[in-house]
Amino acid sequence: MNSKINKVPIANPGKPQQVNNQNVKKSSNSPYTEDWINIKSITNGMIVLPNNEKVTGVKIQPKNIFILDPLQQEGVLGAMRNFYNLLNFEFWMIAADRPVDISVYMSQLQIMLQNATTPAQVKIIAQDIDKGNMFINNQVVDTEYYILFKEKNPDEIAKRIRLLINGLGNAGINASQTSNDDLRTILDNFLNGGVKTEFGTVVLER
């Protein structure tokens, strides 16, 4: 799985990565990425750092402007230029892949197949099941887009979230504040190559 970010600190590639033992205060059996790196918690849609700064932002719903007519495309691009000019704080733009879970859909197809009463129904449902299996075997993912920032003041955080959501909304793009699950997915993408945290997978030094 792939993730892209325009600015992110990295550990010294020539130095073995180690964890500061003074900061390890959670169970080594934890399934959560945040328990393996130097952060306090993920709560209320924010990553809480040891100095009580919070990393949060918005998740953006992608929009294909190339299916719009030229005037509409120019309108979206102009609104986005205006939006970026309003951002007077440091931020990160991230594209992260999230695995697509269609297990519930596949279970529903199996039930429909068992209840099918005609050969035509059986054929159509069986074809859908084959397509679903191909979908799973090829590890299809959804690409999700985020704008994140770091801030300590709760009022300033709320102000920036409103600015991001409203500014994107003026360009016809839907956005919402990141959830805890969104932030864990981003961490998994960058630290574990998209694989959910396992025992001892990742440790970083402060």
N, C-alpha and C. Protein backbone atom coordinates (compact mmCIF):
# COMPACT_ATOMS: atom_id res chain seq x y z
N MET A 1 0.83 -1.19 0.00
CA MET A 1 0.00 0.00 0.00
C MET A 1 0.87 1.24 0.00
N ASN A 2 0.38 2.27 -0.61
CA ASN A 2 1.18 3.46 -0.78
C ASN A 2 0.59 4.63 -0.02
N SER A 3 1.46 5.47 0.49
CA SER A 3 1.05 6.71 1.13
C SER A 3 1.98 7.80 0.69
N LYS A 4 1.47 9.01 0.57
CA LYS A 4 2.28 10.14 0.15
C LYS A 4 2.08 11.27 1.14
N ILE A 5 3.17 11.94 1.44
CA ILE A 5 3.08 13.09 2.34
C ILE A 5 4.12 14.10 1.91
N ASN A 6 3.79 15.38 2.00
CA ASN A 6 4.73 16.39 1.51
C ASN A 6 5.78 16.78 2.53
N LYS A 7 5.56 16.43 3.81
CA LYS A 7 6.54 16.77 4.83
C LYS A 7 6.34 15.85 6.01
N VAL A 8 7.40 15.10 6.36
CA VAL A 8 7.30 14.23 7.52
C VAL A 8 8.69 13.98 8.06
N PRO A 9 8.90 14.09 9.37
CA PRO A 9 10.22 13.80 9.94
C PRO A 9 10.49 12.32 9.91
N ILE A 10 11.74 11.93 9.66
CA ILE A 10 12.09 10.52 9.64
C ILE A 10 13.29 10.29 10.53
N ALA A 11 13.41 9.07 10.99
CA ALA A 11 14.56 8.72 11.83
C ALA A 11 15.82 8.67 10.97
N ASN A 12 16.98 8.78 11.59
CA ASN A 12 18.26 8.68 10.90
C ASN A 12 18.38 7.31 10.25
N PRO A 13 18.43 7.22 8.89
CA PRO A 13 18.44 5.92 8.25
C PRO A 13 19.68 5.10 8.56
N GLY A 14 20.75 5.78 9.01
CA GLY A 14 21.97 5.05 9.31
C GLY A 14 22.06 4.61 10.76
N LYS A 15 21.04 4.89 11.54
CA LYS A 15 21.08 4.59 12.96
C LYS A 15 19.95 3.63 13.32
N PRO A 16 20.21 2.56 14.02
CA PRO A 16 19.13 1.63 14.39
C PRO A 16 18.04 2.35 15.16
N GLN A 17 16.79 2.04 14.82
CA GLN A 17 15.67 2.67 15.50
C GLN A 17 15.46 2.03 16.87
N GLN A 18 15.32 2.86 17.86
CA GLN A 18 15.14 2.39 19.22
C GLN A 18 14.00 3.15 19.87
N VAL A 19 13.44 2.57 20.87
CA VAL A 19 12.36 3.26 21.59
C VAL A 19 12.89 3.74 22.93
N ASN A 20 12.46 4.93 23.31
CA ASN A 20 12.82 5.47 24.61
C ASN A 20 12.02 4.73 25.67
N ASN A 21 12.70 3.94 26.48
CA ASN A 21 12.00 3.08 27.45
C ASN A 21 11.17 3.87 28.44
N GLN A 22 11.55 5.14 28.69
CA GLN A 22 10.78 5.95 29.63
C GLN A 22 9.39 6.26 29.09
N ASN A 23 9.23 6.17 27.77
CA ASN A 23 7.95 6.50 27.17
C ASN A 23 7.09 5.27 26.91
N VAL A 24 7.62 4.08 27.15
CA VAL A 24 6.85 2.87 26.93
C VAL A 24 6.04 2.59 28.19
N LYS A 25 4.75 2.86 28.14
CA LYS A 25 3.93 2.70 29.32
C LYS A 25 2.69 1.86 29.05
N LYS A 26 2.61 1.30 27.83
CA LYS A 26 1.43 0.53 27.46
C LYS A 26 1.81 -0.91 27.20
N SER A 27 0.84 -1.74 27.16
CA SER A 27 1.06 -3.18 27.03
C SER A 27 1.74 -3.53 25.72
N SER A 28 2.74 -4.42 25.79
CA SER A 28 3.42 -4.86 24.57
C SER A 28 2.52 -5.74 23.72
N ASN A 29 1.37 -6.14 24.24
CA ASN A 29 0.45 -6.95 23.47
C ASN A 29 -0.62 -6.12 22.78
N SER A 30 -0.50 -4.81 22.85
CA SER A 30 -1.52 -3.94 22.27
C SER A 30 -1.58 -4.10 20.77
N PRO A 31 -2.78 -4.11 20.18
CA PRO A 31 -2.92 -4.21 18.72
C PRO A 31 -2.87 -2.86 18.03
N TYR A 32 -2.70 -1.75 18.79
CA TYR A 32 -2.80 -0.42 18.20
C TYR A 32 -1.42 0.17 17.92
N THR A 33 -1.28 0.76 16.74
CA THR A 33 -0.01 1.37 16.36
C THR A 33 0.45 2.42 17.35
N GLU A 34 -0.51 3.23 17.86
CA GLU A 34 -0.11 4.33 18.73
C GLU A 34 0.53 3.85 20.03
N ASP A 35 0.34 2.58 20.38
CA ASP A 35 0.95 2.05 21.59
C ASP A 35 2.41 1.66 21.36
N TRP A 36 2.86 1.71 20.11
CA TRP A 36 4.24 1.34 19.80
C TRP A 36 5.11 2.54 19.46
N ILE A 37 4.54 3.71 19.38
CA ILE A 37 5.33 4.90 19.04
C ILE A 37 5.14 5.95 20.11
N ASN A 38 5.94 7.00 20.03
CA ASN A 38 6.02 7.97 21.11
C ASN A 38 4.89 9.00 21.04
N ILE A 39 3.67 8.53 21.22
CA ILE A 39 2.52 9.43 21.36
C ILE A 39 1.71 8.98 22.57
N LYS A 40 0.94 9.90 23.10
CA LYS A 40 0.18 9.58 24.32
C LYS A 40 -1.07 8.78 24.00
N SER A 41 -1.81 9.20 22.98
CA SER A 41 -3.06 8.52 22.68
C SER A 41 -3.62 9.03 21.37
N ILE A 42 -4.66 8.35 20.90
CA ILE A 42 -5.48 8.85 19.80
C ILE A 42 -6.89 8.94 20.34
N THR A 43 -7.41 10.15 20.42
CA THR A 43 -8.73 10.35 21.01
C THR A 43 -9.41 11.55 20.39
N ASN A 44 -10.74 11.48 20.28
CA ASN A 44 -11.54 12.58 19.73
C ASN A 44 -11.05 13.03 18.36
N GLY A 45 -10.59 12.08 17.55
CA GLY A 45 -10.12 12.41 16.21
C GLY A 45 -8.80 13.15 16.17
N MET A 46 -7.98 13.00 17.23
CA MET A 46 -6.70 13.69 17.31
C MET A 46 -5.62 12.76 17.85
N ILE A 47 -4.41 12.89 17.30
CA ILE A 47 -3.24 12.23 17.86
C ILE A 47 -2.66 13.15 18.91
N VAL A 48 -2.59 12.69 20.16
CA VAL A 48 -2.07 13.51 21.26
C VAL A 48 -0.60 13.16 21.47
N LEU A 49 0.27 14.16 21.33
CA LEU A 49 1.70 13.97 21.48
C LEU A 49 2.12 14.13 22.94
N PRO A 50 3.33 13.70 23.30
CA PRO A 50 3.78 13.80 24.70
C PRO A 50 3.78 15.22 25.25
N ASN A 51 3.97 16.23 24.39
CA ASN A 51 3.96 17.63 24.85
C ASN A 51 2.56 18.24 24.81
N ASN A 52 1.56 17.36 24.61
CA ASN A 52 0.13 17.74 24.57
C ASN A 52 -0.27 18.51 23.31
N GLU A 53 0.63 18.58 22.32
CA GLU A 53 0.19 19.05 21.01
C GLU A 53 -0.69 17.98 20.38
N LYS A 54 -1.62 18.42 19.52
CA LYS A 54 -2.52 17.48 18.87
C LYS A 54 -2.33 17.54 17.36
N VAL A 55 -2.34 16.37 16.74
CA VAL A 55 -2.31 16.28 15.29
C VAL A 55 -3.70 15.86 14.84
N THR A 56 -4.33 16.67 14.02
CA THR A 56 -5.68 16.38 13.54
C THR A 56 -5.87 17.08 12.21
N GLY A 57 -7.07 17.03 11.68
CA GLY A 57 -7.34 17.66 10.40
C GLY A 57 -8.62 17.14 9.81
N VAL A 58 -8.67 17.08 8.48
CA VAL A 58 -9.88 16.66 7.81
C VAL A 58 -9.59 15.56 6.80
N LYS A 59 -10.60 14.73 6.61
CA LYS A 59 -10.60 13.71 5.57
C LYS A 59 -11.42 14.23 4.41
N ILE A 60 -10.86 14.16 3.20
CA ILE A 60 -11.47 14.77 2.03
C ILE A 60 -12.11 13.70 1.15
N GLN A 61 -13.33 13.95 0.73
CA GLN A 61 -14.00 13.05 -0.21
C GLN A 61 -13.54 13.41 -1.62
N PRO A 62 -12.89 12.48 -2.34
CA PRO A 62 -12.35 12.81 -3.67
C PRO A 62 -13.45 13.25 -4.63
N LYS A 63 -13.08 14.12 -5.57
CA LYS A 63 -14.01 14.59 -6.59
C LYS A 63 -13.29 14.65 -7.93
N ASN A 64 -13.84 14.01 -8.93
CA ASN A 64 -13.25 14.00 -10.26
C ASN A 64 -13.77 15.21 -11.04
N ILE A 65 -12.95 16.25 -11.14
CA ILE A 65 -13.40 17.46 -11.82
C ILE A 65 -13.31 17.32 -13.35
N PHE A 66 -12.63 16.28 -13.83
CA PHE A 66 -12.44 16.14 -15.27
C PHE A 66 -13.69 15.66 -16.00
N ILE A 67 -14.72 15.29 -15.24
CA ILE A 67 -15.99 14.93 -15.87
C ILE A 67 -16.90 16.17 -15.95
N LEU A 68 -16.45 17.31 -15.42
CA LEU A 68 -17.22 18.54 -15.46
C LEU A 68 -16.88 19.31 -16.74
N ASP A 69 -17.76 20.24 -17.09
CA ASP A 69 -17.45 21.07 -18.26
C ASP A 69 -16.35 22.06 -17.88
N PRO A 70 -15.68 22.66 -18.88
CA PRO A 70 -14.52 23.54 -18.60
C PRO A 70 -14.81 24.67 -17.64
N LEU A 71 -15.98 25.28 -17.72
CA LEU A 71 -16.31 26.39 -16.82
C LEU A 71 -16.41 25.90 -15.37
N GLN A 72 -17.03 24.73 -15.18
CA GLN A 72 -17.13 24.18 -13.83
C GLN A 72 -15.75 23.80 -13.29
N GLN A 73 -14.91 23.23 -14.15
CA GLN A 73 -13.56 22.88 -13.73
C GLN A 73 -12.81 24.13 -13.25
N GLU A 74 -12.90 25.20 -14.03
CA GLU A 74 -12.20 26.43 -13.67
C GLU A 74 -12.75 27.01 -12.38
N GLY A 75 -14.06 26.84 -12.16
CA GLY A 75 -14.65 27.32 -10.92
C GLY A 75 -14.11 26.59 -9.70
N VAL A 76 -13.97 25.25 -9.81
CA VAL A 76 -13.43 24.46 -8.71
C VAL A 76 -11.98 24.84 -8.46
N LEU A 77 -11.18 24.95 -9.52
CA LEU A 77 -9.76 25.28 -9.37
C LEU A 77 -9.58 26.67 -8.76
N GLY A 78 -10.43 27.62 -9.18
CA GLY A 78 -10.34 28.97 -8.61
C GLY A 78 -10.69 28.98 -7.14
N ALA A 79 -11.74 28.21 -6.77
CA ALA A 79 -12.12 28.12 -5.36
C ALA A 79 -11.03 27.46 -4.54
N MET A 80 -10.34 26.46 -5.11
CA MET A 80 -9.25 25.80 -4.39
C MET A 80 -8.07 26.74 -4.21
N ARG A 81 -7.79 27.58 -5.20
CA ARG A 81 -6.71 28.56 -5.04
C ARG A 81 -7.03 29.52 -3.90
N ASN A 82 -8.26 29.98 -3.87
CA ASN A 82 -8.67 30.87 -2.78
C ASN A 82 -8.58 30.17 -1.43
N PHE A 83 -8.95 28.90 -1.40
CA PHE A 83 -8.89 28.12 -0.17
C PHE A 83 -7.46 28.02 0.35
N TYR A 84 -6.52 27.65 -0.52
CA TYR A 84 -5.13 27.50 -0.08
C TYR A 84 -4.53 28.82 0.38
N ASN A 85 -4.97 29.92 -0.22
CA ASN A 85 -4.46 31.23 0.19
C ASN A 85 -4.93 31.62 1.59
N LEU A 86 -5.99 30.96 2.08
CA LEU A 86 -6.48 31.25 3.43
C LEU A 86 -5.70 30.50 4.51
N LEU A 87 -4.95 29.50 4.14
CA LEU A 87 -4.26 28.65 5.12
C LEU A 87 -2.95 29.31 5.53
N ASN A 88 -2.93 29.87 6.72
CA ASN A 88 -1.75 30.58 7.22
C ASN A 88 -1.03 29.77 8.30
N PHE A 89 -1.15 28.45 8.23
CA PHE A 89 -0.48 27.58 9.20
C PHE A 89 0.12 26.39 8.46
N GLU A 90 1.12 25.76 9.10
CA GLU A 90 1.76 24.59 8.50
C GLU A 90 0.78 23.43 8.48
N PHE A 91 0.74 22.72 7.36
CA PHE A 91 -0.14 21.55 7.25
C PHE A 91 0.52 20.49 6.38
N TRP A 92 -0.01 19.29 6.47
CA TRP A 92 0.45 18.16 5.68
C TRP A 92 -0.69 17.67 4.80
N MET A 93 -0.40 17.42 3.53
CA MET A 93 -1.37 16.81 2.63
C MET A 93 -0.97 15.35 2.43
N ILE A 94 -1.91 14.45 2.69
CA ILE A 94 -1.59 13.02 2.71
C ILE A 94 -2.57 12.25 1.84
N ALA A 95 -2.03 11.31 1.07
CA ALA A 95 -2.85 10.32 0.37
C ALA A 95 -2.49 8.96 0.94
N ALA A 96 -3.47 8.24 1.47
CA ALA A 96 -3.22 6.96 2.14
C ALA A 96 -4.20 5.91 1.63
N ASP A 97 -3.71 4.70 1.45
CA ASP A 97 -4.55 3.60 0.97
C ASP A 97 -5.18 2.86 2.14
N ARG A 98 -6.46 2.57 2.02
CA ARG A 98 -7.18 1.79 3.03
C ARG A 98 -7.76 0.54 2.36
N PRO A 99 -7.50 -0.66 2.90
CA PRO A 99 -8.07 -1.87 2.32
C PRO A 99 -9.60 -1.79 2.29
N VAL A 100 -10.17 -2.28 1.21
CA VAL A 100 -11.63 -2.29 1.06
C VAL A 100 -12.17 -3.60 1.62
N ASP A 101 -13.07 -3.51 2.59
CA ASP A 101 -13.65 -4.70 3.21
C ASP A 101 -15.04 -4.94 2.63
N ILE A 102 -15.17 -6.01 1.85
CA ILE A 102 -16.48 -6.35 1.27
C ILE A 102 -16.99 -7.68 1.83
N SER A 103 -16.49 -8.06 3.01
CA SER A 103 -16.87 -9.35 3.59
C SER A 103 -18.38 -9.43 3.85
N VAL A 104 -18.97 -8.33 4.34
CA VAL A 104 -20.42 -8.34 4.60
C VAL A 104 -21.19 -8.50 3.30
N TYR A 105 -20.75 -7.78 2.27
CA TYR A 105 -21.39 -7.89 0.95
C TYR A 105 -21.30 -9.30 0.41
N MET A 106 -20.12 -9.94 0.56
CA MET A 106 -19.94 -11.30 0.08
C MET A 106 -20.83 -12.28 0.84
N SER A 107 -20.99 -12.07 2.14
CA SER A 107 -21.89 -12.93 2.93
C SER A 107 -23.33 -12.80 2.45
N GLN A 108 -23.72 -11.56 2.14
CA GLN A 108 -25.08 -11.34 1.64
C GLN A 108 -25.29 -12.03 0.29
N LEU A 109 -24.26 -12.01 -0.56
CA LEU A 109 -24.36 -12.71 -1.84
C LEU A 109 -24.52 -14.21 -1.65
N GLN A 110 -23.80 -14.78 -0.67
CA GLN A 110 -23.92 -16.22 -0.42
C GLN A 110 -25.34 -16.58 0.03
N ILE A 111 -25.93 -15.73 0.86
CA ILE A 111 -27.31 -15.97 1.30
C ILE A 111 -28.27 -15.87 0.12
N MET A 112 -28.06 -14.87 -0.72
CA MET A 112 -28.90 -14.71 -1.91
C MET A 112 -28.77 -15.91 -2.84
N LEU A 113 -27.55 -16.44 -2.96
CA LEU A 113 -27.33 -17.61 -3.81
C LEU A 113 -28.09 -18.82 -3.30
N GLN A 114 -28.08 -19.00 -1.98
CA GLN A 114 -28.80 -20.14 -1.38
C GLN A 114 -30.31 -20.01 -1.56
N ASN A 115 -30.79 -18.78 -1.61
CA ASN A 115 -32.23 -18.54 -1.72
C ASN A 115 -32.69 -18.36 -3.16
N ALA A 116 -31.76 -18.40 -4.12
CA ALA A 116 -32.13 -18.22 -5.53
C ALA A 116 -33.05 -19.34 -5.98
N THR A 117 -34.04 -18.99 -6.79
CA THR A 117 -35.06 -19.97 -7.19
C THR A 117 -35.03 -20.30 -8.68
N THR A 118 -34.25 -19.56 -9.45
CA THR A 118 -34.19 -19.83 -10.89
C THR A 118 -32.74 -19.92 -11.34
N PRO A 119 -32.48 -20.64 -12.44
CA PRO A 119 -31.11 -20.73 -12.96
C PRO A 119 -30.52 -19.36 -13.31
N ALA A 120 -31.35 -18.45 -13.79
CA ALA A 120 -30.86 -17.11 -14.15
C ALA A 120 -30.36 -16.37 -12.92
N GLN A 121 -31.11 -16.47 -11.81
CA GLN A 121 -30.68 -15.82 -10.56
C GLN A 121 -29.37 -16.41 -10.06
N VAL A 122 -29.28 -17.74 -10.13
CA VAL A 122 -28.05 -18.41 -9.67
C VAL A 122 -26.86 -17.94 -10.49
N LYS A 123 -27.03 -17.83 -11.81
CA LYS A 123 -25.93 -17.42 -12.67
C LYS A 123 -25.47 -16.00 -12.37
N ILE A 124 -26.42 -15.08 -12.23
CA ILE A 124 -26.08 -13.68 -11.99
C ILE A 124 -25.38 -13.51 -10.64
N ILE A 125 -25.91 -14.17 -9.61
CA ILE A 125 -25.31 -14.04 -8.27
C ILE A 125 -23.93 -14.68 -8.24
N ALA A 126 -23.79 -15.84 -8.90
CA ALA A 126 -22.49 -16.51 -8.94
C ALA A 126 -21.45 -15.64 -9.64
N GLN A 127 -21.87 -14.93 -10.68
CA GLN A 127 -20.94 -14.02 -11.36
C GLN A 127 -20.50 -12.89 -10.44
N ASP A 128 -21.43 -12.37 -9.64
CA ASP A 128 -21.08 -11.32 -8.69
C ASP A 128 -20.11 -11.83 -7.64
N ILE A 129 -20.31 -13.06 -7.19
CA ILE A 129 -19.40 -13.66 -6.21
C ILE A 129 -18.00 -13.80 -6.79
N ASP A 130 -17.93 -14.23 -8.07
CA ASP A 130 -16.62 -14.37 -8.73
C ASP A 130 -15.93 -13.01 -8.82
N LYS A 131 -16.70 -11.97 -9.15
CA LYS A 131 -16.12 -10.62 -9.22
C LYS A 131 -15.63 -10.17 -7.85
N GLY A 132 -16.40 -10.49 -6.80
CA GLY A 132 -15.99 -10.12 -5.46
C GLY A 132 -14.71 -10.82 -5.04
N ASN A 133 -14.59 -12.11 -5.39
CA ASN A 133 -13.37 -12.85 -5.06
C ASN A 133 -12.16 -12.29 -5.80
N MET A 134 -12.36 -11.90 -7.05
CA MET A 134 -11.27 -11.28 -7.81
C MET A 134 -10.87 -9.96 -7.17
N PHE A 135 -11.87 -9.22 -6.70
CA PHE A 135 -11.65 -7.96 -6.02
C PHE A 135 -10.78 -8.17 -4.78
N ILE A 136 -11.11 -9.20 -3.98
CA ILE A 136 -10.36 -9.49 -2.76
C ILE A 136 -8.96 -9.99 -3.07
N ASN A 137 -8.83 -10.89 -4.05
CA ASN A 137 -7.53 -11.48 -4.37
C ASN A 137 -6.54 -10.47 -4.90
N ASN A 138 -7.05 -9.41 -5.53
CA ASN A 138 -6.17 -8.38 -6.08
C ASN A 138 -5.88 -7.27 -5.08
N GLN A 139 -6.36 -7.44 -3.84
CA GLN A 139 -6.08 -6.50 -2.76
C GLN A 139 -6.41 -5.06 -3.17
N VAL A 140 -7.63 -4.88 -3.66
CA VAL A 140 -8.07 -3.55 -4.08
C VAL A 140 -8.18 -2.64 -2.86
N VAL A 141 -7.76 -1.39 -3.01
CA VAL A 141 -7.79 -0.44 -1.91
C VAL A 141 -8.49 0.84 -2.35
N ASP A 142 -8.99 1.57 -1.38
CA ASP A 142 -9.48 2.92 -1.59
C ASP A 142 -8.37 3.90 -1.22
N THR A 143 -8.16 4.91 -2.04
CA THR A 143 -7.21 5.97 -1.69
C THR A 143 -7.96 7.10 -1.01
N GLU A 144 -7.51 7.45 0.19
CA GLU A 144 -8.16 8.50 0.97
C GLU A 144 -7.21 9.69 1.10
N TYR A 145 -7.78 10.88 1.18
CA TYR A 145 -6.99 12.11 1.18
C TYR A 145 -7.26 12.90 2.46
N TYR A 146 -6.18 13.45 3.01
CA TYR A 146 -6.27 14.16 4.28
C TYR A 146 -5.46 15.45 4.24
N ILE A 147 -5.90 16.43 5.02
CA ILE A 147 -5.08 17.60 5.36
C ILE A 147 -4.96 17.60 6.88
N LEU A 148 -3.73 17.50 7.39
CA LEU A 148 -3.49 17.44 8.82
C LEU A 148 -2.65 18.63 9.27
N PHE A 149 -2.77 18.98 10.54
CA PHE A 149 -1.95 20.04 11.12
C PHE A 149 -1.68 19.70 12.59
N LYS A 150 -0.77 20.44 13.20
CA LYS A 150 -0.41 20.23 14.61
C LYS A 150 -0.65 21.51 15.39
N GLU A 151 -1.36 21.39 16.51
CA GLU A 151 -1.70 22.56 17.32
C GLU A 151 -2.04 22.10 18.73
N LYS A 152 -1.80 22.97 19.72
CA LYS A 152 -2.09 22.64 21.11
C LYS A 152 -3.38 23.29 21.62
N ASN A 153 -3.68 24.49 21.16
CA ASN A 153 -4.83 25.25 21.65
C ASN A 153 -6.14 24.67 21.10
N PRO A 154 -7.06 24.21 21.97
CA PRO A 154 -8.32 23.61 21.50
C PRO A 154 -9.16 24.56 20.66
N ASP A 155 -9.19 25.84 21.02
CA ASP A 155 -9.98 26.81 20.25
C ASP A 155 -9.40 27.00 18.85
N GLU A 156 -8.08 27.03 18.77
CA GLU A 156 -7.43 27.18 17.46
C GLU A 156 -7.65 25.93 16.61
N ILE A 157 -7.65 24.77 17.25
CA ILE A 157 -7.92 23.53 16.52
C ILE A 157 -9.32 23.57 15.90
N ALA A 158 -10.31 23.95 16.71
CA ALA A 158 -11.68 24.03 16.21
C ALA A 158 -11.79 25.04 15.08
N LYS A 159 -11.10 26.16 15.22
CA LYS A 159 -11.13 27.21 14.20
C LYS A 159 -10.56 26.69 12.88
N ARG A 160 -9.44 25.99 12.96
CA ARG A 160 -8.80 25.48 11.74
C ARG A 160 -9.66 24.39 11.08
N ILE A 161 -10.27 23.54 11.89
CA ILE A 161 -11.14 22.50 11.32
C ILE A 161 -12.29 23.14 10.55
N ARG A 162 -12.91 24.16 11.15
CA ARG A 162 -14.01 24.86 10.46
C ARG A 162 -13.51 25.51 9.17
N LEU A 163 -12.32 26.11 9.22
CA LEU A 163 -11.76 26.75 8.04
C LEU A 163 -11.55 25.74 6.92
N LEU A 164 -11.00 24.58 7.26
CA LEU A 164 -10.74 23.56 6.25
C LEU A 164 -12.05 23.03 5.65
N ILE A 165 -13.01 22.70 6.50
CA ILE A 165 -14.27 22.14 6.01
C ILE A 165 -15.03 23.16 5.17
N ASN A 166 -15.12 24.40 5.65
CA ASN A 166 -15.85 25.43 4.93
C ASN A 166 -15.15 25.82 3.63
N GLY A 167 -13.81 25.93 3.68
CA GLY A 167 -13.07 26.29 2.47
C GLY A 167 -13.19 25.25 1.38
N LEU A 168 -13.09 23.98 1.76
CA LEU A 168 -13.26 22.91 0.78
C LEU A 168 -14.71 22.86 0.29
N GLY A 169 -15.65 23.12 1.21
CA GLY A 169 -17.06 23.12 0.83
C GLY A 169 -17.36 24.18 -0.21
N ASN A 170 -16.72 25.35 -0.11
CA ASN A 170 -16.91 26.41 -1.10
C ASN A 170 -16.42 26.01 -2.48
N ALA A 171 -15.52 25.03 -2.51
CA ALA A 171 -15.03 24.50 -3.80
C ALA A 171 -15.84 23.29 -4.24
N GLY A 172 -16.91 22.98 -3.50
CA GLY A 172 -17.75 21.84 -3.86
C GLY A 172 -17.17 20.51 -3.45
N ILE A 173 -16.28 20.52 -2.46
CA ILE A 173 -15.62 19.28 -2.00
C ILE A 173 -16.01 19.02 -0.55
N ASN A 174 -16.50 17.83 -0.28
CA ASN A 174 -16.94 17.47 1.07
C ASN A 174 -15.74 17.01 1.91
N ALA A 175 -15.74 17.42 3.17
CA ALA A 175 -14.68 17.02 4.10
C ALA A 175 -15.27 16.92 5.50
N SER A 176 -14.63 16.13 6.34
CA SER A 176 -15.06 15.97 7.72
C SER A 176 -13.83 15.78 8.58
N GLN A 177 -13.96 16.06 9.89
CA GLN A 177 -12.80 15.89 10.77
C GLN A 177 -12.38 14.43 10.82
N THR A 178 -11.09 14.22 10.93
CA THR A 178 -10.57 12.86 11.00
C THR A 178 -11.12 12.13 12.21
N SER A 179 -11.35 10.84 12.06
CA SER A 179 -11.77 9.99 13.16
C SER A 179 -10.55 9.28 13.73
N ASN A 180 -10.72 8.64 14.88
CA ASN A 180 -9.62 7.85 15.46
C ASN A 180 -9.17 6.76 14.49
N ASP A 181 -10.13 6.12 13.83
CA ASP A 181 -9.81 5.05 12.89
C ASP A 181 -9.04 5.59 11.69
N ASP A 182 -9.41 6.78 11.21
CA ASP A 182 -8.67 7.40 10.11
C ASP A 182 -7.21 7.59 10.48
N LEU A 183 -6.95 8.11 11.68
CA LEU A 183 -5.59 8.40 12.09
C LEU A 183 -4.78 7.12 12.28
N ARG A 184 -5.43 6.08 12.80
CA ARG A 184 -4.72 4.79 12.92
C ARG A 184 -4.37 4.23 11.55
N THR A 185 -5.27 4.40 10.58
CA THR A 185 -4.98 3.94 9.22
C THR A 185 -3.78 4.67 8.64
N ILE A 186 -3.71 5.98 8.86
CA ILE A 186 -2.57 6.75 8.37
C ILE A 186 -1.27 6.27 9.01
N LEU A 187 -1.28 6.06 10.31
CA LEU A 187 -0.09 5.56 10.99
C LEU A 187 0.32 4.19 10.47
N ASP A 188 -0.65 3.31 10.30
CA ASP A 188 -0.36 1.97 9.77
C ASP A 188 0.26 2.06 8.38
N ASN A 189 -0.23 2.98 7.55
CA ASN A 189 0.30 3.15 6.19
C ASN A 189 1.76 3.56 6.21
N PHE A 190 2.10 4.54 7.04
CA PHE A 190 3.45 5.06 7.03
C PHE A 190 4.44 4.18 7.80
N LEU A 191 3.99 3.57 8.87
CA LEU A 191 4.91 2.84 9.73
C LEU A 191 4.99 1.36 9.41
N ASN A 192 3.91 0.77 8.94
CA ASN A 192 3.86 -0.68 8.76
C ASN A 192 3.57 -1.11 7.34
N GLY A 193 3.73 -0.21 6.39
CA GLY A 193 3.48 -0.56 5.00
C GLY A 193 2.04 -0.94 4.75
N GLY A 194 1.12 -0.38 5.54
CA GLY A 194 -0.30 -0.67 5.35
C GLY A 194 -0.80 -1.87 6.11
N VAL A 195 0.10 -2.57 6.83
CA VAL A 195 -0.29 -3.74 7.59
C VAL A 195 -0.60 -3.34 9.01
N LYS A 196 -1.69 -3.83 9.57
CA LYS A 196 -2.04 -3.48 10.95
C LYS A 196 -0.93 -3.91 11.90
N THR A 197 -0.78 -3.15 12.98
CA THR A 197 0.31 -3.35 13.92
C THR A 197 0.34 -4.76 14.48
N GLU A 198 1.53 -5.36 14.50
CA GLU A 198 1.75 -6.65 15.12
C GLU A 198 2.81 -6.49 16.19
N PHE A 199 3.06 -7.54 16.95
CA PHE A 199 4.00 -7.46 18.07
C PHE A 199 5.37 -7.00 17.59
N GLY A 200 5.84 -5.88 18.13
CA GLY A 200 7.19 -5.41 17.85
C GLY A 200 7.43 -4.94 16.43
N THR A 201 6.36 -4.66 15.68
CA THR A 201 6.55 -4.30 14.28
C THR A 201 7.33 -3.01 14.11
N VAL A 202 6.97 -1.99 14.89
CA VAL A 202 7.57 -0.67 14.72
C VAL A 202 7.92 -0.06 16.06
N VAL A 203 9.14 0.44 16.20
CA VAL A 203 9.50 1.25 17.35
C VAL A 203 10.29 2.43 16.83
N LEU A 204 10.05 3.60 17.38
CA LEU A 204 10.74 4.82 16.97
C LEU A 204 11.34 5.49 18.18
N GLU A 205 12.42 6.24 17.98
CA GLU A 205 12.98 7.01 19.06
C GLU A 205 12.41 8.42 19.02
N ARG A 206 12.38 9.04 20.14
CA ARG A 206 11.86 10.41 20.22
C ARG A 206 12.80 11.39 19.58
